[in-house]
Protein backbone atom coordinates (compact mmCIF):
# COMPACT_ATOMS: atom_id res chain seq x y z
CA UNK A 1 43.94 -4.52 -12.18
CA UNK A 2 42.66 -5.93 -15.49
CA UNK A 3 42.58 -9.75 -15.53
CA UNK A 4 45.05 -11.04 -18.10
CA UNK A 5 43.62 -12.71 -21.18
CA UNK A 6 40.17 -11.20 -20.78
CA UNK A 7 38.12 -11.37 -23.98
CA UNK A 8 34.35 -11.06 -24.38
CA UNK A 9 32.99 -14.54 -25.07
CA UNK A 10 30.36 -15.21 -27.78
CA UNK A 11 27.78 -15.51 -25.00
CA UNK A 12 28.62 -12.06 -23.69
CA UNK A 13 28.44 -10.55 -27.16
CA UNK A 14 25.00 -12.08 -27.70
CA UNK A 15 23.80 -10.83 -24.32
CA UNK A 16 25.15 -7.36 -25.12
CA UNK A 17 23.18 -7.22 -28.36
CA UNK A 18 20.01 -8.47 -26.65
CA UNK A 19 20.36 -5.90 -23.85
CA UNK A 20 20.74 -3.05 -26.34
CA UNK A 21 17.90 -4.27 -28.57
CA UNK A 22 15.65 -4.60 -25.50
CA UNK A 23 16.10 -0.86 -24.88
CA UNK A 24 14.92 0.21 -28.32
CA UNK A 25 11.11 -0.10 -27.90
CA UNK A 26 11.11 1.95 -24.71
CA UNK A 27 13.51 4.59 -26.02
CA UNK A 28 11.61 4.83 -29.33
CA UNK A 29 8.28 5.36 -27.59
CA UNK A 30 9.75 8.01 -25.30
CA UNK A 31 11.33 9.87 -28.22
CA UNK A 32 7.98 9.90 -30.01
CA UNK A 33 6.29 11.31 -26.90
CA UNK A 34 8.98 13.93 -26.40
CA UNK A 35 8.45 14.99 -30.01
CA UNK A 36 4.74 15.48 -29.29
CA UNK A 37 3.44 12.20 -30.68
CA UNK A 38 0.69 10.25 -28.93
CA UNK A 39 1.51 6.71 -30.05
CA UNK A 40 0.10 4.33 -27.46
CA UNK A 41 -1.57 7.11 -25.44
CA UNK A 42 -5.38 6.93 -25.67
CA UNK A 43 -7.57 10.01 -25.80
CA UNK A 44 -8.42 11.24 -22.32
CA UNK A 45 -5.24 9.85 -20.74
CA UNK A 46 -3.97 11.88 -17.81
CA UNK A 47 -0.55 11.83 -19.49
CA UNK A 48 -1.84 14.45 -21.93
CA UNK A 49 -2.84 16.90 -19.21
CA UNK A 50 0.71 18.20 -18.62
CA UNK A 51 2.58 18.09 -21.97
CA UNK A 52 5.63 20.00 -20.75
CA UNK A 53 6.04 17.83 -17.68
CA UNK A 54 5.53 14.75 -19.88
CA UNK A 55 8.30 15.87 -22.23
CA UNK A 56 10.73 16.52 -19.37
CA UNK A 57 9.96 13.20 -17.67
CA UNK A 58 10.30 11.27 -20.92
CA UNK A 59 13.61 12.97 -21.73
CA UNK A 60 14.96 11.84 -18.36
CA UNK A 61 13.63 8.33 -19.05
CA UNK A 62 15.45 8.21 -22.38
CA UNK A 63 18.71 9.15 -20.66
CA UNK A 64 18.12 6.55 -17.94
CA UNK A 65 17.57 3.77 -20.46
CA UNK A 66 20.58 4.96 -22.45
CA UNK A 67 22.61 4.18 -19.32
CA UNK A 68 21.63 0.53 -19.83
CA UNK A 69 23.24 0.65 -23.27
CA UNK A 70 26.41 2.13 -21.78
CA UNK A 71 26.46 -0.53 -19.06
CA UNK A 72 26.01 -3.32 -21.61
CA UNK A 73 29.05 -2.01 -23.49
CA UNK A 74 31.10 -1.45 -20.34
CA UNK A 75 30.45 -4.98 -19.07
CA UNK A 76 31.69 -6.57 -22.28
CA UNK A 77 34.79 -4.53 -23.10
CA UNK A 78 38.29 -4.85 -21.72
CA UNK A 79 38.37 -1.15 -20.87
CA UNK A 80 35.30 -1.71 -18.70
CA UNK A 81 37.42 -3.69 -16.27
CA UNK A 82 39.44 -0.55 -15.54
CA UNK A 83 36.46 1.60 -14.57
CA UNK A 84 36.42 2.60 -10.91
CA UNK A 85 34.27 0.24 -8.88
CA UNK A 86 31.85 2.85 -7.55
CA UNK A 87 31.26 4.33 -11.02
CA UNK A 88 29.92 0.95 -12.10
CA UNK A 89 28.42 -0.33 -8.86
CA UNK A 90 25.97 2.51 -8.25
CA UNK A 91 24.27 2.56 -11.70
CA UNK A 92 24.17 -1.26 -11.70
CA UNK A 93 22.61 -1.28 -8.24
CA UNK A 94 20.05 1.31 -9.37
CA UNK A 95 19.30 -0.58 -12.60
CA UNK A 96 18.88 -3.80 -10.64
CA UNK A 97 16.60 -2.10 -8.14
CA UNK A 98 14.36 -0.53 -10.78
CA UNK A 99 14.11 -3.64 -12.95
CA UNK A 100 13.72 -6.35 -10.28
CA UNK A 101 10.19 -5.35 -9.12
CA UNK A 102 9.03 -5.22 -12.76
CA UNK A 103 10.57 -8.61 -13.45
CA UNK A 104 8.73 -10.04 -10.46
CA UNK A 105 5.54 -7.98 -10.66
CA UNK A 106 4.50 -8.08 -14.30
CA UNK A 107 4.62 -11.89 -14.66
CA UNK A 108 2.75 -12.17 -11.36
CA UNK A 109 0.06 -9.84 -12.69
CA UNK A 110 -0.25 -11.88 -15.87
CA UNK A 111 -0.47 -15.07 -13.82
CA UNK A 112 -3.29 -13.57 -11.75
CA UNK A 113 -5.05 -12.53 -14.95
CA UNK A 114 -4.69 -16.06 -16.33
CA UNK A 115 -5.92 -17.74 -13.16
CA UNK A 116 -8.83 -15.35 -12.63
CA UNK A 117 -9.77 -15.18 -16.29
CA UNK A 118 -9.69 -11.38 -16.15
CA UNK A 119 -7.89 -10.20 -19.28
CA UNK A 120 -7.66 -6.66 -17.92
CA UNK A 121 -6.00 -7.63 -14.65
CA UNK A 122 -2.64 -6.27 -15.73
CA UNK A 123 -3.88 -2.93 -17.08
CA UNK A 124 -5.30 0.14 -15.34
CA UNK A 125 -9.07 0.50 -15.30
CA UNK A 126 -9.01 4.05 -16.71
CA UNK A 127 -7.29 5.17 -19.96
CA UNK A 128 -3.62 5.70 -19.31
CA UNK A 129 -1.73 3.81 -22.00
CA UNK A 130 -2.88 1.38 -24.66
CA UNK A 131 -2.67 -2.20 -23.46
CA UNK A 132 0.02 -3.19 -25.98
CA UNK A 133 2.39 -0.58 -24.52
CA UNK A 134 2.60 -2.47 -21.23
CA UNK A 135 3.48 -5.74 -22.96
CA UNK A 136 6.12 -4.15 -25.18
CA UNK A 137 7.74 -1.96 -22.53
CA UNK A 138 7.63 -4.41 -19.62
CA UNK A 139 8.75 -7.25 -21.89
CA UNK A 140 11.73 -5.10 -22.85
CA UNK A 141 12.45 -4.33 -19.20
CA UNK A 142 12.42 -8.02 -18.29
CA UNK A 143 14.82 -8.82 -21.14
CA UNK A 144 17.05 -5.93 -20.04
CA UNK A 145 17.09 -7.27 -16.50
CA UNK A 146 17.95 -10.82 -17.55
CA UNK A 147 20.70 -9.87 -19.99
CA UNK A 148 22.24 -7.02 -18.03
CA UNK A 149 22.09 -9.03 -14.81
CA UNK A 150 23.83 -12.00 -16.42
CA UNK A 151 26.51 -9.74 -17.91
CA UNK A 152 27.13 -8.12 -14.53
CA UNK A 153 27.46 -11.49 -12.79
CA UNK A 154 30.01 -12.63 -15.37
CA UNK A 155 31.88 -9.33 -15.11
CA UNK A 156 31.86 -9.35 -11.31
CA UNK A 157 33.10 -12.94 -11.29
CA UNK A 158 36.11 -11.89 -13.36
CA UNK A 159 36.88 -8.75 -11.38
CA UNK A 160 35.66 -9.36 -7.83
CA UNK A 161 35.03 -13.09 -7.57
CA UNK A 162 37.19 -13.32 -4.45
CA UNK A 163 34.85 -10.96 -2.58
CA UNK A 164 31.93 -13.39 -2.36
CA UNK A 165 33.84 -16.61 -1.78
CA UNK A 166 33.45 -18.61 1.39
CA UNK A 167 30.92 -18.58 4.18
CA UNK A 168 29.78 -15.80 6.46
CA UNK A 169 31.54 -17.35 9.42
CA UNK A 170 34.84 -16.99 7.59
CA UNK A 171 34.45 -13.22 7.10
CA UNK A 172 36.60 -11.11 9.44
CA UNK A 173 34.72 -9.19 12.14
CA UNK A 174 36.20 -5.85 11.03
CA UNK A 175 34.40 -6.15 7.65
CA UNK A 176 31.17 -5.28 9.43
CA UNK A 177 32.07 -3.18 12.43
CA UNK A 178 29.83 -1.44 14.99
CA UNK A 179 29.01 1.47 12.68
CA UNK A 180 27.79 -0.82 9.91
CA UNK A 181 25.69 -2.86 12.33
CA UNK A 182 24.18 0.33 13.77
CA UNK A 183 23.28 1.57 10.28
CA UNK A 184 21.69 -1.78 9.43
CA UNK A 185 19.66 -1.66 12.62
CA UNK A 186 18.57 1.91 11.82
CA UNK A 187 17.46 0.74 8.38
CA UNK A 188 15.48 -2.08 9.95
CA UNK A 189 13.72 0.39 12.28
CA UNK A 190 12.98 2.79 9.41
CA UNK A 191 11.46 -0.07 7.41
CA UNK A 192 8.71 -0.50 9.99
CA UNK A 193 6.78 2.49 8.62
CA UNK A 194 6.51 1.39 4.98
CA UNK A 195 6.04 -2.22 6.06
CA UNK A 196 3.10 -1.20 8.26
CA UNK A 197 1.56 0.83 5.42
CA UNK A 198 1.86 -2.08 2.98
CA UNK A 199 0.27 -4.41 5.54
CA UNK A 200 -2.59 -1.93 6.03
CA UNK A 201 -3.21 -1.87 2.27
CA UNK A 202 -2.95 -5.64 1.97
CA UNK A 203 -5.54 -6.00 4.72
CA UNK A 204 -8.04 -4.20 2.51
CA UNK A 205 -7.94 -0.82 4.24
CA UNK A 206 -7.95 2.31 2.07
CA UNK A 207 -6.13 4.40 4.69
CA UNK A 208 -3.41 6.45 3.02
CA UNK A 209 -4.71 5.90 -0.51
CA UNK A 210 -6.05 8.65 -2.76
CA UNK A 211 -9.77 8.46 -3.43
CA UNK A 212 -9.25 7.30 -7.01
CA UNK A 213 -6.58 4.77 -6.08
CA UNK A 214 -8.82 3.33 -3.38
CA UNK A 215 -11.71 3.00 -5.82
CA UNK A 216 -9.54 1.31 -8.48
CA UNK A 217 -8.00 -1.36 -6.26
CA UNK A 218 -7.89 -4.75 -7.93
CA UNK A 219 -5.81 -7.92 -7.90
CA UNK A 220 -2.89 -6.04 -9.48
CA UNK A 221 -2.80 -3.61 -6.58
CA UNK A 222 -2.50 -6.40 -4.02
CA UNK A 223 0.08 -8.30 -6.07
CA UNK A 224 2.33 -5.24 -6.30
CA UNK A 225 1.87 -4.40 -2.61
CA UNK A 226 2.81 -7.96 -1.64
CA UNK A 227 5.89 -7.90 -3.86
CA UNK A 228 7.05 -4.55 -2.49
CA UNK A 229 6.59 -5.83 1.07
CA UNK A 230 8.56 -8.97 0.19
CA UNK A 231 11.45 -6.88 -1.15
CA UNK A 232 11.34 -4.73 1.99
CA UNK A 233 11.52 -7.74 4.29
CA UNK A 234 14.27 -9.33 2.19
CA UNK A 235 16.34 -6.13 2.26
CA UNK A 236 16.24 -5.97 6.05
CA UNK A 237 16.76 -9.68 6.67
CA UNK A 238 19.60 -10.32 4.24
CA UNK A 239 21.46 -7.11 5.07
CA UNK A 240 21.34 -7.97 8.75
CA UNK A 241 22.46 -11.53 8.00
CA UNK A 242 25.34 -10.12 5.95
CA UNK A 243 26.64 -7.60 8.50
CA UNK A 244 26.07 -9.86 11.52
CA UNK A 245 27.70 -12.77 9.66
CA UNK A 246 25.11 -15.17 11.01
CA UNK A 247 24.17 -17.94 10.41
CA UNK A 248 27.87 -18.64 9.93
CA UNK A 249 27.30 -21.62 7.62
CA UNK A 250 25.56 -19.54 4.92
CA UNK A 251 27.56 -18.72 1.81
CA UNK A 252 28.50 -15.08 1.21
CA UNK A 253 27.41 -15.21 -2.45
CA UNK A 254 23.65 -15.85 -2.10
CA UNK A 255 23.26 -13.53 0.89
CA UNK A 256 25.15 -10.74 -0.85
CA UNK A 257 23.16 -11.18 -4.08
CA UNK A 258 19.81 -11.06 -2.28
CA UNK A 259 20.84 -8.04 -0.21
CA UNK A 260 22.03 -6.25 -3.38
CA UNK A 261 18.82 -6.84 -5.32
CA UNK A 262 16.37 -6.19 -2.48
CA UNK A 263 18.01 -2.99 -1.17
CA UNK A 264 18.03 -1.65 -4.73
CA UNK A 265 14.36 -2.49 -5.22
CA UNK A 266 13.37 -0.78 -1.97
CA UNK A 267 15.61 2.27 -2.22
CA UNK A 268 15.21 3.05 -5.92
CA UNK A 269 11.46 2.49 -6.12
CA UNK A 270 10.99 4.47 -2.93
CA UNK A 271 12.95 7.32 -4.50
CA UNK A 272 11.01 7.03 -7.77
CA UNK A 273 7.63 7.04 -6.06
CA UNK A 274 8.70 9.98 -3.88
CA UNK A 275 9.49 11.96 -7.05
CA UNK A 276 6.17 10.97 -8.61
CA UNK A 277 4.37 12.14 -5.48
CA UNK A 278 5.93 15.59 -5.87
CA UNK A 279 4.47 16.11 -9.34
CA UNK A 280 1.62 18.63 -9.55
CA UNK A 281 -1.86 17.15 -9.44
CA UNK A 282 -4.98 19.29 -9.89
CA UNK A 283 -7.48 16.54 -9.20
CA UNK A 284 -7.96 16.11 -5.42
CA UNK A 285 -9.08 12.51 -5.95
CA UNK A 286 -5.66 11.66 -7.41
CA UNK A 287 -3.43 13.55 -4.99
CA UNK A 288 -0.94 11.40 -3.08
CA UNK A 289 -1.71 11.38 0.63
CA UNK A 290 0.73 12.27 3.38
CA UNK A 291 0.80 8.69 4.65
CA UNK A 292 1.70 7.37 1.21
CA UNK A 293 4.46 9.97 0.87
CA UNK A 294 5.79 8.97 4.29
CA UNK A 295 5.80 5.33 3.20
CA UNK A 296 7.71 6.10 -0.02
CA UNK A 297 10.23 8.21 1.89
CA UNK A 298 10.62 5.41 4.44
CA UNK A 299 11.34 2.92 1.65
CA UNK A 300 13.90 5.24 0.10
CA UNK A 301 15.71 5.86 3.40
CA UNK A 302 15.60 2.18 4.31
CA UNK A 303 16.94 1.07 0.95
CA UNK A 304 19.77 3.59 0.88
CA UNK A 305 20.79 2.94 4.50
CA UNK A 306 20.93 -0.82 3.98
CA UNK A 307 22.66 -0.41 0.62
CA UNK A 308 25.34 1.68 2.34
CA UNK A 309 25.93 -1.26 4.69
CA UNK A 310 26.31 -3.60 1.71
CA UNK A 311 28.70 -1.14 0.06
CA UNK A 312 30.91 -0.92 3.14
CA UNK A 313 30.89 -4.70 3.44
CA UNK A 314 32.01 -5.03 -0.19
CA UNK A 315 34.74 -2.41 0.14
CA UNK A 316 36.19 -3.90 3.30
CA UNK A 317 35.84 -7.44 2.07
CA UNK A 318 37.61 -6.50 -1.13
CA UNK A 319 40.48 -4.94 0.82
CA UNK A 320 40.64 -8.00 3.06
CA UNK A 321 40.64 -10.41 0.12
């Protein structure tokens, strides 16, 4: 049911404009590349080795970022409150999951570069993209995440605020029944594989890395591995806390928010990296190893299993409320 008297506030209108504007640099670059342009791509970049594949991938990327524009409109219009919950929840969960690691990782990389004095810490060692592309695109992603995330929180407060009220101990046992707890436990077990791989890489071992990736390891590599491991641990911990409803004194809102973000980060980036690993690669030194593929698949399965638990919790909690 649409809340009576709903009108987009000036703040929401400003956030909507910022979210849409933040998409323009990325979409513009992708359109140029689809059209055959090489703006921001240095000579010798591996991106130029497969022009057809590059065009297809960039076309998909344009459509994906266009979804952000649609979401920004949906979250700030009265008709958006009548959209079926799952039609909004899944793309928002995916957008959150894809943007959150960038929002955490890129500033961390820049901080490492600042502390170490290495100006190239946040860029790949071999030509891939011009350095300015990373700043423009990742800056846009961070702005998208901040604006779209704020809009979604405001929207969800209007439409589903009752779902996250109270403490875990006040949630009925039937909201997270045996099946949900079993799925959460299965997700926790599945997470052990990617967690072990990330720990192996953080320890300095090159096991499971391609020859080129192993040779190019730098501070950025370890920062991103640590962040991905942190999201993996958070996804397991906060989903289990949510479905077990313990500790009872914890509020539903923070636990639910952390489970939402972390399961999205794990599941969506695991799926993305699994797709990347399937792309053809002629250079043996750059081919993704079987262990790395297993780790990405483990992240994807873990994230989607735990996200399913969160989804069931939300649906049952909404019915209960």
